[in-house]
Protein backbone atom coordinates (compact mmCIF):
# COMPACT_ATOMS: atom_id res chain seq x y z
CA MET A 1 138.22 40.72 158.65
CA ARG A 2 137.09 37.23 159.65
CA LEU A 3 140.66 35.95 159.26
CA ARG A 4 142.12 38.50 161.67
CA PRO A 5 142.72 37.59 165.34
CA PRO A 6 140.10 38.85 167.85
CA ASP A 7 142.40 41.47 169.40
CA TRP A 8 143.58 42.85 166.05
CA PRO A 9 143.14 46.66 166.01
CA LEU A 10 141.55 48.41 163.05
CA PRO A 11 143.97 50.54 161.02
CA ARG A 12 143.91 54.27 161.75
CA PRO A 13 142.20 56.15 158.86
CA ASN A 14 144.00 58.90 156.96
CA ALA A 15 140.83 60.99 156.67
CA ILE A 16 137.34 61.00 158.20
CA HIS A 17 134.14 62.47 156.78
CA HIS A 18 131.44 63.27 159.37
CA ILE A 19 127.83 63.74 158.28
CA VAL A 20 124.64 64.68 160.09
CA GLU A 21 121.96 62.04 159.96
CA ASP A 22 118.49 61.86 161.41
CA PHE A 23 114.93 61.20 160.23
CA LEU A 24 114.57 64.57 158.52
CA THR A 25 117.95 64.74 156.79
CA ASP A 26 117.78 66.00 153.20
CA TRP A 27 120.56 63.99 151.55
CA THR A 28 120.24 66.03 148.35
CA ALA A 29 121.07 69.39 149.96
CA PRO A 30 123.91 70.74 147.79
CA ASN A 31 125.77 72.78 150.40
CA ALA A 32 125.08 70.59 153.44
CA HIS A 33 125.82 67.11 152.06
CA ILE A 34 126.81 66.91 148.41
CA LEU A 35 129.56 69.56 148.31
CA PRO A 36 131.35 68.42 151.51
CA LEU A 37 131.22 64.79 150.37
CA ARG A 38 132.55 65.70 146.91
CA ARG A 39 135.41 67.71 148.43
CA PHE A 40 136.25 64.85 150.81
CA LEU A 41 136.35 62.35 147.94
CA GLU A 42 138.39 64.76 145.81
CA ASN A 43 140.99 64.99 148.59
CA CYS A 44 141.09 61.20 149.01
CA LEU A 45 141.36 60.54 145.27
CA SER A 46 143.50 63.60 144.43
CA THR A 47 141.30 64.45 141.45
CA ASP A 48 138.55 66.84 140.38
CA LEU A 49 135.08 65.24 140.43
CA ARG A 50 133.13 68.15 138.93
CA ASN A 51 131.34 67.84 135.59
CA PHE A 52 132.55 70.09 132.78
CA PHE A 53 131.23 71.34 129.45
CA ALA A 54 132.96 70.13 126.29
CA GLU A 55 134.67 73.51 125.83
CA SER A 56 136.26 73.29 129.28
CA CYS A 57 137.39 69.70 128.63
CA PHE A 58 138.92 70.83 125.34
CA LEU A 59 140.94 73.52 127.16
CA PHE A 60 141.94 71.04 129.89
CA ALA A 61 143.21 68.62 127.24
CA PHE A 62 145.62 71.23 125.90
CA THR A 63 146.69 72.83 129.18
CA HIS A 64 146.85 69.99 131.75
CA GLN A 65 148.58 66.63 131.84
CA LYS A 66 145.76 64.91 133.73
CA LEU A 67 142.12 65.37 132.73
CA PRO A 68 139.30 65.27 135.29
CA PRO A 69 137.37 61.96 135.24
CA SER A 70 134.25 63.57 133.74
CA CYS A 71 136.33 64.77 130.77
CA GLN A 72 138.02 61.38 130.39
CA GLN A 73 134.73 59.49 130.44
CA GLY A 74 132.60 61.93 128.49
CA TYR A 75 134.43 64.36 126.23
CA VAL A 76 137.37 62.19 125.18
CA ARG A 77 135.07 59.25 124.38
CA MET A 78 132.64 61.57 122.55
CA GLN A 79 129.86 61.06 125.11
CA GLY A 80 129.58 64.63 126.40
CA LEU A 81 126.54 66.89 126.57
CA LEU A 82 125.08 67.95 123.26
CA GLY A 83 125.25 71.71 123.07
CA SER A 84 122.37 73.99 122.12
CA GLN A 85 121.93 77.76 121.90
CA GLU A 86 119.84 77.76 125.10
CA LEU A 87 122.43 75.72 127.01
CA ARG A 88 125.28 77.96 125.82
CA HIS A 89 123.31 81.13 126.71
CA HIS A 90 122.55 79.75 130.19
CA ALA A 91 126.22 78.79 130.71
CA VAL A 92 127.39 82.28 129.64
CA GLN A 93 124.90 83.93 132.02
CA ALA A 94 126.04 81.67 134.87
CA GLY A 95 129.68 82.59 134.18
CA LEU A 96 130.68 79.04 133.21
CA LEU A 97 131.65 79.90 129.61
CA GLN A 98 132.97 82.98 127.87
CA ASP A 99 130.82 84.65 125.23
CA TYR A 100 132.86 84.68 122.02
CA SER A 101 130.11 86.10 119.82
């Protein structure tokens, strides 16, 4: 920017993300800040930024040409979450996994 002439206009952005900020802002609020920011970044990057269980990454690998980044970085490189009975039970109750038992 220092090398640009003084009257050089800034380029027009393709997308803008507006956020509310003040002293009492809770930046960790899932629906007010995290979800809109994730969706904005997903649109800019044209990719899915959610985290997935190993079973979902396995299905993605066989049914999609492009894996989400969390599957590429975790599941494919064998760095995913270690499964347990409690984690599987919780995921089935939340509707994230199917119960095959």
